[in-house]
């Protein structure tokens, strides 16, 4: 039980500090620390993100850091993308999910360094 709570705690701190934590932190922790199946780890991380995002958004909103118009429009797109992504998760072979995730992380990392 404590190990699982620690995983959530670490992800919550990283989510609040870097605004990242779901896929970047939770999925690898679920896979390698809690020994979950890859698709189950991804789905569980999505479930765990909601409470972290609500709390973090509350404090960011209180500090007037949220650009509401852009945020609402992106949220609408995110809902549509989430619907499609959730449907595709069970149809895409694990090998391609791993490759696309690794590619995304490399892309994001290189862009952060530039």
PDB file of N, CA and C in Angstrom:
ATOM      1  N   UNK A   1       0.819  -1.183   0.000  1.00  0.00           N
ATOM      2  CA  UNK A   1       0.000   0.000   0.000  1.00  0.00           C
ATOM      3  C   UNK A   1       0.875   1.264   0.000  1.00  0.00           C
ATOM      4  N   UNK A   2       1.929   1.277   0.819  1.00  0.00           N
ATOM      5  CA  UNK A   2       2.778   2.465   0.909  1.00  0.00           C
ATOM      6  C   UNK A   2       3.540   2.717  -0.379  1.00  0.00           C
ATOM      7  N   UNK A   3       3.938   1.634  -1.021  1.00  0.00           N
ATOM      8  CA  UNK A   3       4.655   1.755  -2.291  1.00  0.00           C
ATOM      9  C   UNK A   3       3.770   2.432  -3.337  1.00  0.00           C
ATOM     10  N   UNK A   4       2.515   2.046  -3.379  1.00  0.00           N
ATOM     11  CA  UNK A   4       1.573   2.631  -4.339  1.00  0.00           C
ATOM     12  C   UNK A   4       1.314   4.103  -4.020  1.00  0.00           C
ATOM     13  N   UNK A   5       1.192   4.424  -2.743  1.00  0.00           N
ATOM     14  CA  UNK A   5       0.975   5.819  -2.355  1.00  0.00           C
ATOM     15  C   UNK A   5       2.217   6.663  -2.657  1.00  0.00           C
ATOM     16  N   UNK A   6       3.393   6.085  -2.492  1.00  0.00           N
ATOM     17  CA  UNK A   6       4.631   6.797  -2.795  1.00  0.00           C
ATOM     18  C   UNK A   6       4.729   7.106  -4.283  1.00  0.00           C
ATOM     19  N   UNK A   7       4.322   6.163  -5.126  1.00  0.00           N
ATOM     20  CA  UNK A   7       4.300   6.395  -6.573  1.00  0.00           C
ATOM     21  C   UNK A   7       3.409   7.596  -6.880  1.00  0.00           C
ATOM     22  N   UNK A   8       2.221   7.634  -6.305  1.00  0.00           N
ATOM     23  CA  UNK A   8       1.318   8.756  -6.512  1.00  0.00           C
ATOM     24  C   UNK A   8       1.870  10.056  -5.965  1.00  0.00           C
ATOM     25  N   UNK A   9       2.521   9.994  -4.813  1.00  0.00           N
ATOM     26  CA  UNK A   9       3.113  11.176  -4.198  1.00  0.00           C
ATOM     27  C   UNK A   9       4.190  11.788  -5.094  1.00  0.00           C
ATOM     28  N   UNK A  10       5.082  10.953  -5.589  1.00  0.00           N
ATOM     29  CA  UNK A  10       6.155  11.423  -6.485  1.00  0.00           C
ATOM     30  C   UNK A  10       5.551  12.023  -7.744  1.00  0.00           C
ATOM     31  N   UNK A  11       4.595  11.343  -8.333  1.00  0.00           N
ATOM     32  CA  UNK A  11       3.949  11.864  -9.544  1.00  0.00           C
ATOM     33  C   UNK A  11       3.233  13.177  -9.268  1.00  0.00           C
ATOM     34  N   UNK A  12       2.614  13.294  -8.117  1.00  0.00           N
ATOM     35  CA  UNK A  12       1.915  14.532  -7.760  1.00  0.00           C
ATOM     36  C   UNK A  12       2.864  15.709  -7.615  1.00  0.00           C
ATOM     37  N   UNK A  13       3.996  15.488  -6.973  1.00  0.00           N
ATOM     38  CA  UNK A  13       4.983  16.563  -6.820  1.00  0.00           C
ATOM     39  C   UNK A  13       5.510  16.985  -8.193  1.00  0.00           C
ATOM     40  N   UNK A  14       5.857  16.020  -9.018  1.00  0.00           N
ATOM     41  CA  UNK A  14       6.379  16.337 -10.348  1.00  0.00           C
ATOM     42  C   UNK A  14       5.309  17.013 -11.191  1.00  0.00           C
ATOM     43  N   UNK A  15       4.070  16.558 -11.079  1.00  0.00           N
ATOM     44  CA  UNK A  15       2.964  17.175 -11.808  1.00  0.00           C
ATOM     45  C   UNK A  15       2.785  18.629 -11.396  1.00  0.00           C
ATOM     46  N   UNK A  16       2.835  18.887 -10.113  1.00  0.00           N
ATOM     47  CA  UNK A  16       2.672  20.255  -9.631  1.00  0.00           C
ATOM     48  C   UNK A  16       3.842  21.156  -9.985  1.00  0.00           C
ATOM     49  N   UNK A  17       5.033  20.610  -9.973  1.00  0.00           N
ATOM     50  CA  UNK A  17       6.225  21.409 -10.203  1.00  0.00           C
ATOM     51  C   UNK A  17       6.528  21.612 -11.685  1.00  0.00           C
ATOM     52  N   UNK A  18       6.489  20.528 -12.450  1.00  0.00           N
ATOM     53  CA  UNK A  18       6.848  20.580 -13.870  1.00  0.00           C
ATOM     54  C   UNK A  18       5.639  20.532 -14.792  1.00  0.00           C
ATOM     55  N   UNK A  19       4.438  20.406 -14.259  1.00  0.00           N
ATOM     56  CA  UNK A  19       3.204  20.200 -15.022  1.00  0.00           C
ATOM     57  C   UNK A  19       3.292  18.981 -15.917  1.00  0.00           C
ATOM     58  N   UNK A  20       3.984  17.988 -15.446  1.00  0.00           N
ATOM     59  CA  UNK A  20       4.063  16.691 -16.125  1.00  0.00           C
ATOM     60  C   UNK A  20       4.076  15.641 -15.033  1.00  0.00           C
ATOM     61  N   UNK A  21       3.546  14.517 -15.286  1.00  0.00           N
ATOM     62  CA  UNK A  21       3.555  13.497 -14.254  1.00  0.00           C
ATOM     63  C   UNK A  21       2.791  12.259 -14.650  1.00  0.00           C
ATOM     64  N   UNK A  22       1.761  12.427 -15.457  1.00  0.00           N
ATOM     65  CA  UNK A  22       0.945  11.291 -15.856  1.00  0.00           C
ATOM     66  C   UNK A  22       1.737  10.245 -16.606  1.00  0.00           C
ATOM     67  N   UNK A  23       1.824  10.413 -17.889  1.00  0.00           N
ATOM     68  CA  UNK A  23       2.521   9.430 -18.711  1.00  0.00           C
ATOM     69  C   UNK A  23       4.008   9.399 -18.467  1.00  0.00           C
ATOM     70  N   UNK A  24       4.583  10.545 -18.216  1.00  0.00           N
ATOM     71  CA  UNK A  24       6.035  10.614 -18.064  1.00  0.00           C
ATOM     72  C   UNK A  24       6.534   9.948 -16.794  1.00  0.00           C
ATOM     73  N   UNK A  25       5.779  10.037 -15.741  1.00  0.00           N
ATOM     74  CA  UNK A  25       6.215   9.498 -14.456  1.00  0.00           C
ATOM     75  C   UNK A  25       5.432   8.257 -14.063  1.00  0.00           C
ATOM     76  N   UNK A  26       4.108   8.351 -14.112  1.00  0.00           N
ATOM     77  CA  UNK A  26       3.288   7.241 -13.626  1.00  0.00           C
ATOM     78  C   UNK A  26       3.453   5.962 -14.442  1.00  0.00           C
ATOM     79  N   UNK A  27       3.443   6.076 -15.759  1.00  0.00           N
ATOM     80  CA  UNK A  27       3.519   4.851 -16.568  1.00  0.00           C
ATOM     81  C   UNK A  27       4.798   4.077 -16.276  1.00  0.00           C
ATOM     82  N   UNK A  28       5.987   4.702 -16.330  1.00  0.00           N
ATOM     83  CA  UNK A  28       7.188   3.925 -15.991  1.00  0.00           C
ATOM     84  C   UNK A  28       7.180   3.388 -14.559  1.00  0.00           C
ATOM     85  N   UNK A  29       6.674   4.178 -13.605  1.00  0.00           N
ATOM     86  CA  UNK A  29       6.604   3.681 -12.228  1.00  0.00           C
ATOM     87  C   UNK A  29       5.643   2.504 -12.109  1.00  0.00           C
ATOM     88  N   UNK A  30       4.514   2.586 -12.787  1.00  0.00           N
ATOM     89  CA  UNK A  30       3.573   1.465 -12.756  1.00  0.00           C
ATOM     90  C   UNK A  30       4.193   0.221 -13.394  1.00  0.00           C
ATOM     91  N   UNK A  31       4.905   0.418 -14.488  1.00  0.00           N
ATOM     92  CA  UNK A  31       5.500  -0.712 -15.196  1.00  0.00           C
ATOM     93  C   UNK A  31       6.603  -1.379 -14.381  1.00  0.00           C
ATOM     94  N   UNK A  32       7.541  -0.593 -13.883  1.00  0.00           N
ATOM     95  CA  UNK A  32       8.751  -1.160 -13.303  1.00  0.00           C
ATOM     96  C   UNK A  32       8.729  -1.270 -11.786  1.00  0.00           C
ATOM     97  N   UNK A  33       7.957  -0.438 -11.119  1.00  0.00           N
ATOM     98  CA  UNK A  33       7.890  -0.512  -9.660  1.00  0.00           C
ATOM     99  C   UNK A  33       6.724  -1.374  -9.205  1.00  0.00           C
ATOM    100  N   UNK A  34       5.569  -1.179  -9.838  1.00  0.00           N
ATOM    101  CA  UNK A  34       4.378  -1.920  -9.422  1.00  0.00           C
ATOM    102  C   UNK A  34       4.088  -3.132 -10.314  1.00  0.00           C
ATOM    103  N   UNK A  35       4.936  -3.344 -11.328  1.00  0.00           N
ATOM    104  CA  UNK A  35       4.859  -4.530 -12.207  1.00  0.00           C
ATOM    105  C   UNK A  35       3.500  -4.694 -12.884  1.00  0.00           C
ATOM    106  N   UNK A  36       2.956  -3.609 -13.419  1.00  0.00           N
ATOM    107  CA  UNK A  36       1.671  -3.663 -14.122  1.00  0.00           C
ATOM    108  C   UNK A  36       1.904  -3.958 -15.596  1.00  0.00           C
ATOM    109  N   UNK A  37       0.884  -4.448 -16.255  1.00  0.00           N
ATOM    110  CA  UNK A  37       0.917  -4.636 -17.701  1.00  0.00           C
ATOM    111  C   UNK A  37       0.910  -3.266 -18.368  1.00  0.00           C
ATOM    112  N   UNK A  38       1.581  -3.100 -19.527  1.00  0.00           N
ATOM    113  CA  UNK A  38       1.702  -1.783 -20.158  1.00  0.00           C
ATOM    114  C   UNK A  38       0.375  -1.064 -20.427  1.00  0.00           C
ATOM    115  N   UNK A  39      -0.576  -1.726 -21.026  1.00  0.00           N
ATOM    116  CA  UNK A  39      -1.844  -1.050 -21.329  1.00  0.00           C
ATOM    117  C   UNK A  39      -2.603  -0.707 -20.056  1.00  0.00           C
ATOM    118  N   UNK A  40      -2.513  -1.581 -19.059  1.00  0.00           N
ATOM    119  CA  UNK A  40      -3.159  -1.310 -17.778  1.00  0.00           C
ATOM    120  C   UNK A  40      -2.468  -0.135 -17.079  1.00  0.00           C
ATOM    121  N   UNK A  41      -1.143  -0.034 -17.205  1.00  0.00           N
ATOM    122  CA  UNK A  41      -0.402   1.081 -16.610  1.00  0.00           C
ATOM    123  C   UNK A  41      -0.821   2.402 -17.245  1.00  0.00           C
ATOM    124  N   UNK A  42      -0.982   2.419 -18.563  1.00  0.00           N
ATOM    125  CA  UNK A  42      -1.398   3.645 -19.244  1.00  0.00           C
ATOM    126  C   UNK A  42      -2.802   4.064 -18.820  1.00  0.00           C
ATOM    127  N   UNK A  43      -3.713   3.095 -18.791  1.00  0.00           N
ATOM    128  CA  UNK A  43      -5.100   3.404 -18.422  1.00  0.00           C
ATOM    129  C   UNK A  43      -5.189   3.858 -16.964  1.00  0.00           C
ATOM    130  N   UNK A  44      -4.440   3.214 -16.075  1.00  0.00           N
ATOM    131  CA  UNK A  44      -4.472   3.585 -14.659  1.00  0.00           C
ATOM    132  C   UNK A  44      -3.867   4.974 -14.458  1.00  0.00           C
ATOM    133  N   UNK A  45      -2.838   5.306 -15.238  1.00  0.00           N
ATOM    134  CA  UNK A  45      -2.241   6.639 -15.095  1.00  0.00           C
ATOM    135  C   UNK A  45      -3.238   7.725 -15.485  1.00  0.00           C
ATOM    136  N   UNK A  46      -4.038   7.472 -16.513  1.00  0.00           N
ATOM    137  CA  UNK A  46      -5.068   8.446 -16.906  1.00  0.00           C
ATOM    138  C   UNK A  46      -6.054   8.664 -15.758  1.00  0.00           C
ATOM    139  N   UNK A  47      -6.435   7.571 -15.104  1.00  0.00           N
ATOM    140  CA  UNK A  47      -7.351   7.668 -13.973  1.00  0.00           C
ATOM    141  C   UNK A  47      -6.732   8.490 -12.834  1.00  0.00           C
ATOM    142  N   UNK A  48      -5.444   8.289 -12.578  1.00  0.00           N
ATOM    143  CA  UNK A  48      -4.766   8.978 -11.478  1.00  0.00           C
ATOM    144  C   UNK A  48      -4.512  10.456 -11.776  1.00  0.00           C
ATOM    145  N   UNK A  49      -4.439  10.805 -13.035  1.00  0.00           N
ATOM    146  CA  UNK A  49      -4.123  12.180 -13.408  1.00  0.00           C
ATOM    147  C   UNK A  49      -5.237  13.137 -12.985  1.00  0.00           C
ATOM    148  N   UNK A  50      -6.483  12.724 -13.089  1.00  0.00           N
ATOM    149  CA  UNK A  50      -7.607  13.624 -12.818  1.00  0.00           C
ATOM    150  C   UNK A  50      -7.514  14.323 -11.460  1.00  0.00           C
ATOM    151  N   UNK A  51      -7.351  13.598 -10.343  1.00  0.00           N
ATOM    152  CA  UNK A  51      -7.261  14.310  -9.060  1.00  0.00           C
ATOM    153  C   UNK A  51      -6.047  15.242  -8.982  1.00  0.00           C
ATOM    154  N   UNK A  52      -4.908  14.799  -9.541  1.00  0.00           N
ATOM    155  CA  UNK A  52      -3.711  15.656  -9.523  1.00  0.00           C
ATOM    156  C   UNK A  52      -3.955  16.940 -10.297  1.00  0.00           C
ATOM    157  N   UNK A  53      -4.591  16.811 -11.453  1.00  0.00           N
ATOM    158  CA  UNK A  53      -4.839  17.977 -12.299  1.00  0.00           C
ATOM    159  C   UNK A  53      -5.827  18.932 -11.635  1.00  0.00           C
ATOM    160  N   UNK A  54      -6.858  18.409 -11.010  1.00  0.00           N
ATOM    161  CA  UNK A  54      -7.852  19.267 -10.354  1.00  0.00           C
ATOM    162  C   UNK A  54      -7.190  20.095  -9.247  1.00  0.00           C
ATOM    163  N   UNK A  55      -6.398  19.453  -8.412  1.00  0.00           N
ATOM    164  CA  UNK A  55      -5.738  20.162  -7.308  1.00  0.00           C
ATOM    165  C   UNK A  55      -4.736  21.182  -7.844  1.00  0.00           C
ATOM    166  N   UNK A  56      -3.907  20.758  -8.799  1.00  0.00           N
ATOM    167  CA  UNK A  56      -2.904  21.658  -9.360  1.00  0.00           C
ATOM    168  C   UNK A  56      -3.563  22.842 -10.059  1.00  0.00           C
ATOM    169  N   UNK A  57      -4.609  22.585 -10.844  1.00  0.00           N
ATOM    170  CA  UNK A  57      -5.306  23.659 -11.555  1.00  0.00           C
ATOM    171  C   UNK A  57      -5.943  24.641 -10.576  1.00  0.00           C
ATOM    172  N   UNK A  58      -6.443  24.149  -9.455  1.00  0.00           N
ATOM    173  CA  UNK A  58      -7.024  25.032  -8.443  1.00  0.00           C
ATOM    174  C   UNK A  58      -5.992  26.062  -7.976  1.00  0.00           C
ATOM    175  N   UNK A  59      -4.783  25.581  -7.645  1.00  0.00           N
ATOM    176  CA  UNK A  59      -3.755  26.493  -7.151  1.00  0.00           C
ATOM    177  C   UNK A  59      -3.206  27.399  -8.260  1.00  0.00           C
ATOM    178  N   UNK A  60      -3.068  26.876  -9.478  1.00  0.00           N
ATOM    179  CA  UNK A  60      -2.644  27.720 -10.600  1.00  0.00           C
ATOM    180  C   UNK A  60      -3.701  28.776 -10.899  1.00  0.00           C
ATOM    181  N   UNK A  61      -4.966  28.402 -10.838  1.00  0.00           N
ATOM    182  CA  UNK A  61      -6.049  29.349 -11.065  1.00  0.00           C
ATOM    183  C   UNK A  61      -6.081  30.435 -10.001  1.00  0.00           C
ATOM    184  N   UNK A  62      -5.853  30.035  -8.757  1.00  0.00           N
ATOM    185  CA  UNK A  62      -5.798  30.989  -7.657  1.00  0.00           C
ATOM    186  C   UNK A  62      -4.677  32.007  -7.845  1.00  0.00           C
ATOM    187  N   UNK A  63      -3.604  31.572  -8.451  1.00  0.00           N
ATOM    188  CA  UNK A  63      -2.458  32.450  -8.706  1.00  0.00           C
ATOM    189  C   UNK A  63      -2.599  33.195 -10.034  1.00  0.00           C
ATOM    190  N   UNK A  64      -3.752  33.044 -10.667  1.00  0.00           N
ATOM    191  CA  UNK A  64      -4.050  33.701 -11.948  1.00  0.00           C
ATOM    192  C   UNK A  64      -3.040  33.344 -13.037  1.00  0.00           C
ATOM    193  N   UNK A  65      -2.636  32.085 -13.080  1.00  0.00           N
ATOM    194  CA  UNK A  65      -1.679  31.619 -14.081  1.00  0.00           C
ATOM    195  C   UNK A  65      -2.349  30.936 -15.269  1.00  0.00           C
ATOM    196  N   UNK A  66      -3.643  30.727 -15.205  1.00  0.00           N
ATOM    197  CA  UNK A  66      -4.347  30.012 -16.271  1.00  0.00           C
ATOM    198  C   UNK A  66      -4.887  31.003 -17.293  1.00  0.00           C
ATOM    199  N   UNK A  67      -4.612  30.748 -18.553  1.00  0.00           N
ATOM    200  CA  UNK A  67      -5.218  31.517 -19.651  1.00  0.00           C
ATOM    201  C   UNK A  67      -6.480  30.746 -20.020  1.00  0.00           C
ATOM    202  N   UNK A  68      -7.626  31.189 -19.504  1.00  0.00           N
ATOM    203  CA  UNK A  68      -8.868  30.426 -19.562  1.00  0.00           C
ATOM    204  C   UNK A  68      -9.349  30.147 -20.981  1.00  0.00           C
ATOM    205  N   UNK A  69      -9.317  31.127 -21.879  1.00  0.00           N
ATOM    206  CA  UNK A  69      -9.819  30.901 -23.238  1.00  0.00           C
ATOM    207  C   UNK A  69      -9.018  29.808 -23.943  1.00  0.00           C
ATOM    208  N   UNK A  70      -7.703  29.924 -23.912  1.00  0.00           N
ATOM    209  CA  UNK A  70      -6.860  28.901 -24.548  1.00  0.00           C
ATOM    210  C   UNK A  70      -7.031  27.550 -23.851  1.00  0.00           C
ATOM    211  N   UNK A  71      -7.118  27.585 -22.531  1.00  0.00           N
ATOM    212  CA  UNK A  71      -7.258  26.352 -21.774  1.00  0.00           C
ATOM    213  C   UNK A  71      -8.544  25.604 -22.095  1.00  0.00           C
ATOM    214  N   UNK A  72      -9.647  26.332 -22.207  1.00  0.00           N
ATOM    215  CA  UNK A  72     -10.933  25.697 -22.515  1.00  0.00           C
ATOM    216  C   UNK A  72     -10.924  25.106 -23.919  1.00  0.00           C
ATOM    217  N   UNK A  73     -10.376  25.842 -24.870  1.00  0.00           N
ATOM    218  CA  UNK A  73     -10.314  25.324 -26.244  1.00  0.00           C
ATOM    219  C   UNK A  73      -9.415  24.084 -26.328  1.00  0.00           C
ATOM    220  N   UNK A  74      -8.281  24.122 -25.643  1.00  0.00           N
ATOM    221  CA  UNK A  74      -7.405  22.944 -25.629  1.00  0.00           C
ATOM    222  C   UNK A  74      -8.072  21.768 -24.911  1.00  0.00           C
ATOM    223  N   UNK A  75      -8.845  22.057 -23.866  1.00  0.00           N
ATOM    224  CA  UNK A  75      -9.544  20.990 -23.141  1.00  0.00           C
ATOM    225  C   UNK A  75     -10.559  20.297 -24.046  1.00  0.00           C
ATOM    226  N   UNK A  76     -11.252  21.080 -24.863  1.00  0.00           N
ATOM    227  CA  UNK A  76     -12.218  20.484 -25.808  1.00  0.00           C
ATOM    228  C   UNK A  76     -11.492  19.555 -26.777  1.00  0.00           C
ATOM    229  N   UNK A  77     -10.373  20.033 -27.311  1.00  0.00           N
ATOM    230  CA  UNK A  77      -9.567  19.178 -28.191  1.00  0.00           C
ATOM    231  C   UNK A  77      -9.042  17.959 -27.461  1.00  0.00           C
ATOM    232  N   UNK A  78      -8.658  18.136 -26.198  1.00  0.00           N
ATOM    233  CA  UNK A  78      -8.158  17.018 -25.399  1.00  0.00           C
ATOM    234  C   UNK A  78      -9.215  15.965 -25.134  1.00  0.00           C
ATOM    235  N   UNK A  79     -10.447  16.393 -24.949  1.00  0.00           N
ATOM    236  CA  UNK A  79     -11.544  15.441 -24.745  1.00  0.00           C
ATOM    237  C   UNK A  79     -11.735  14.600 -26.005  1.00  0.00           C
ATOM    238  N   UNK A  80     -11.744  15.263 -27.144  1.00  0.00           N
ATOM    239  CA  UNK A  80     -11.909  14.532 -28.407  1.00  0.00           C
ATOM    240  C   UNK A  80     -10.728  13.600 -28.658  1.00  0.00           C
ATOM    241  N   UNK A  81      -9.519  14.105 -28.437  1.00  0.00           N
ATOM    242  CA  UNK A  81      -8.332  13.270 -28.611  1.00  0.00           C
ATOM    243  C   UNK A  81      -8.305  12.107 -27.637  1.00  0.00           C
ATOM    244  N   UNK A  82      -8.747  12.352 -26.401  1.00  0.00           N
ATOM    245  CA  UNK A  82      -8.797  11.283 -25.403  1.00  0.00           C
ATOM    246  C   UNK A  82      -9.758  10.176 -25.787  1.00  0.00           C
ATOM    247  N   UNK A  83     -10.894  10.556 -26.366  1.00  0.00           N
ATOM    248  CA  UNK A  83     -11.855   9.550 -26.832  1.00  0.00           C
ATOM    249  C   UNK A  83     -11.227   8.653 -27.898  1.00  0.00           C
ATOM    250  N   UNK A  84     -10.561   9.290 -28.853  1.00  0.00           N
ATOM    251  CA  UNK A  84      -9.928   8.527 -29.935  1.00  0.00           C
ATOM    252  C   UNK A  84      -8.780   7.672 -29.391  1.00  0.00           C
ATOM    253  N   UNK A  85      -7.939   8.270 -28.545  1.00  0.00           N
ATOM    254  CA  UNK A  85      -6.810   7.534 -27.979  1.00  0.00           C
ATOM    255  C   UNK A  85      -7.237   6.334 -27.155  1.00  0.00           C
ATOM    256  N   UNK A  86      -8.290   6.496 -26.355  1.00  0.00           N
ATOM    257  CA  UNK A  86      -8.778   5.383 -25.530  1.00  0.00           C
ATOM    258  C   UNK A  86      -9.305   4.246 -26.401  1.00  0.00           C
ATOM    259  N   UNK A  87      -9.962   4.590 -27.500  1.00  0.00           N
ATOM    260  CA  UNK A  87     -10.478   3.553 -28.411  1.00  0.00           C
ATOM    261  C   UNK A  87      -9.328   2.829 -29.107  1.00  0.00           C
ATOM    262  N   UNK A  88      -8.268   3.576 -29.453  1.00  0.00           N
ATOM    263  CA  UNK A  88      -7.148   2.983 -30.185  1.00  0.00           C
ATOM    264  C   UNK A  88      -6.199   2.166 -29.308  1.00  0.00           C
ATOM    265  N   UNK A  89      -6.193   2.419 -27.999  1.00  0.00           N
ATOM    266  CA  UNK A  89      -5.239   1.759 -27.108  1.00  0.00           C
ATOM    267  C   UNK A  89      -5.262   0.244 -27.252  1.00  0.00           C
ATOM    268  N   UNK A  90      -6.423  -0.345 -27.300  1.00  0.00           N
ATOM    269  CA  UNK A  90      -6.518  -1.805 -27.388  1.00  0.00           C
ATOM    270  C   UNK A  90      -6.314  -2.335 -28.798  1.00  0.00           C
ATOM    271  N   UNK A  91      -6.271  -1.449 -29.793  1.00  0.00           N
ATOM    272  CA  UNK A  91      -6.126  -1.897 -31.177  1.00  0.00           C
ATOM    273  C   UNK A  91      -4.695  -1.809 -31.679  1.00  0.00           C
ATOM    274  N   UNK A  92      -3.856  -1.021 -31.031  1.00  0.00           N
ATOM    275  CA  UNK A  92      -2.481  -0.837 -31.477  1.00  0.00           C
ATOM    276  C   UNK A  92      -1.582  -1.807 -30.723  1.00  0.00           C
ATOM    277  N   UNK A  93      -0.749  -2.553 -31.452  1.00  0.00           N
ATOM    278  CA  UNK A  93       0.164  -3.494 -30.781  1.00  0.00           C
ATOM    279  C   UNK A  93       1.119  -2.775 -29.821  1.00  0.00           C
ATOM    280  N   UNK A  94       1.461  -3.451 -28.736  1.00  0.00           N
ATOM    281  CA  UNK A  94       2.309  -2.885 -27.685  1.00  0.00           C
ATOM    282  C   UNK A  94       3.635  -2.357 -28.240  1.00  0.00           C
ATOM    283  N   UNK A  95       4.197  -3.050 -29.193  1.00  0.00           N
ATOM    284  CA  UNK A  95       5.477  -2.646 -29.793  1.00  0.00           C
ATOM    285  C   UNK A  95       5.387  -1.222 -30.354  1.00  0.00           C
ATOM    286  N   UNK A  96       4.306  -0.914 -31.057  1.00  0.00           N
ATOM    287  CA  UNK A  96       4.145   0.401 -31.666  1.00  0.00           C
ATOM    288  C   UNK A  96       3.817   1.472 -30.628  1.00  0.00           C
ATOM    289  N   UNK A  97       3.122   1.090 -29.570  1.00  0.00           N
ATOM    290  CA  UNK A  97       2.860   2.033 -28.486  1.00  0.00           C
ATOM    291  C   UNK A  97       4.164   2.448 -27.814  1.00  0.00           C
ATOM    292  N   UNK A  98       5.042   1.468 -27.567  1.00  0.00           N
ATOM    293  CA  UNK A  98       6.340   1.760 -26.953  1.00  0.00           C
ATOM    294  C   UNK A  98       7.181   2.655 -27.851  1.00  0.00           C
ATOM    295  N   UNK A  99       7.215   2.339 -29.131  1.00  0.00           N
ATOM    296  CA  UNK A  99       8.009   3.136 -30.068  1.00  0.00           C
ATOM    297  C   UNK A  99       7.490   4.565 -30.179  1.00  0.00           C
ATOM    298  N   UNK A 100       6.174   4.716 -30.257  1.00  0.00           N
ATOM    299  CA  UNK A 100       5.624   6.061 -30.383  1.00  0.00           C
ATOM    300  C   UNK A 100       5.835   6.864 -29.100  1.00  0.00           C
ATOM    301  N   UNK A 101       5.737   6.227 -27.943  1.00  0.00           N
ATOM    302  CA  UNK A 101       5.970   6.911 -26.673  1.00  0.00           C
ATOM    303  C   UNK A 101       7.430   7.339 -26.553  1.00  0.00           C
ATOM    304  N   UNK A 102       8.343   6.428 -26.908  1.00  0.00           N
ATOM    305  CA  UNK A 102       9.771   6.761 -26.878  1.00  0.00           C
ATOM    306  C   UNK A 102      10.076   7.892 -27.852  1.00  0.00           C
ATOM    307  N   UNK A 103       9.483   7.845 -29.027  1.00  0.00           N
ATOM    308  CA  UNK A 103       9.680   8.916 -30.010  1.00  0.00           C
ATOM    309  C   UNK A 103       9.186  10.251 -29.485  1.00  0.00           C
ATOM    310  N   UNK A 104       8.045  10.242 -28.835  1.00  0.00           N
ATOM    311  CA  UNK A 104       7.505  11.474 -28.255  1.00  0.00           C
ATOM    312  C   UNK A 104       8.446  12.028 -27.191  1.00  0.00           C
ATOM    313  N   UNK A 105       8.960  11.150 -26.319  1.00  0.00           N
ATOM    314  CA  UNK A 105       9.857  11.611 -25.263  1.00  0.00           C
ATOM    315  C   UNK A 105      11.147  12.190 -25.848  1.00  0.00           C
ATOM    316  N   UNK A 106      11.682  11.554 -26.862  1.00  0.00           N
ATOM    317  CA  UNK A 106      12.889  12.067 -27.519  1.00  0.00           C
ATOM    318  C   UNK A 106      12.610  13.425 -28.150  1.00  0.00           C
ATOM    319  N   UNK A 107      11.519  13.539 -28.866  1.00  0.00           N
ATOM    320  CA  UNK A 107      11.118  14.800 -29.507  1.00  0.00           C
ATOM    321  C   UNK A 107      10.988  15.915 -28.462  1.00  0.00           C
ATOM    322  N   UNK A 108      10.264  15.618 -27.380  1.00  0.00           N
ATOM    323  CA  UNK A 108      10.047  16.615 -26.335  1.00  0.00           C
ATOM    324  C   UNK A 108      11.365  16.999 -25.669  1.00  0.00           C
ATOM    325  N   UNK A 109      12.211  16.011 -25.398  1.00  0.00           N
ATOM    326  CA  UNK A 109      13.489  16.281 -24.750  1.00  0.00           C
ATOM    327  C   UNK A 109      14.399  17.145 -25.611  1.00  0.00           C
ATOM    328  N   UNK A 110      14.492  16.851 -26.894  1.00  0.00           N
ATOM    329  CA  UNK A 110      15.319  17.631 -27.803  1.00  0.00           C
ATOM    330  C   UNK A 110      14.798  19.065 -27.890  1.00  0.00           C
ATOM    331  N   UNK A 111      13.480  19.225 -27.991  1.00  0.00           N
ATOM    332  CA  UNK A 111      12.906  20.577 -28.059  1.00  0.00           C
ATOM    333  C   UNK A 111      13.133  21.376 -26.789  1.00  0.00           C
ATOM    334  N   UNK A 112      13.167  20.700 -25.652  1.00  0.00           N
ATOM    335  CA  UNK A 112      13.429  21.413 -24.398  1.00  0.00           C
ATOM    336  C   UNK A 112      14.872  21.895 -24.326  1.00  0.00           C
ATOM    337  N   UNK A 113      15.777  21.138 -24.940  1.00  0.00           N
ATOM    338  CA  UNK A 113      17.193  21.512 -24.915  1.00  0.00           C
ATOM    339  C   UNK A 113      17.521  22.628 -25.901  1.00  0.00           C
ATOM    340  N   UNK A 114      16.742  22.728 -26.960  1.00  0.00           N
ATOM    341  CA  UNK A 114      17.028  23.722 -28.007  1.00  0.00           C
ATOM    342  C   UNK A 114      16.600  25.097 -27.595  1.00  0.00           C
TER     343      UNK A 114
END
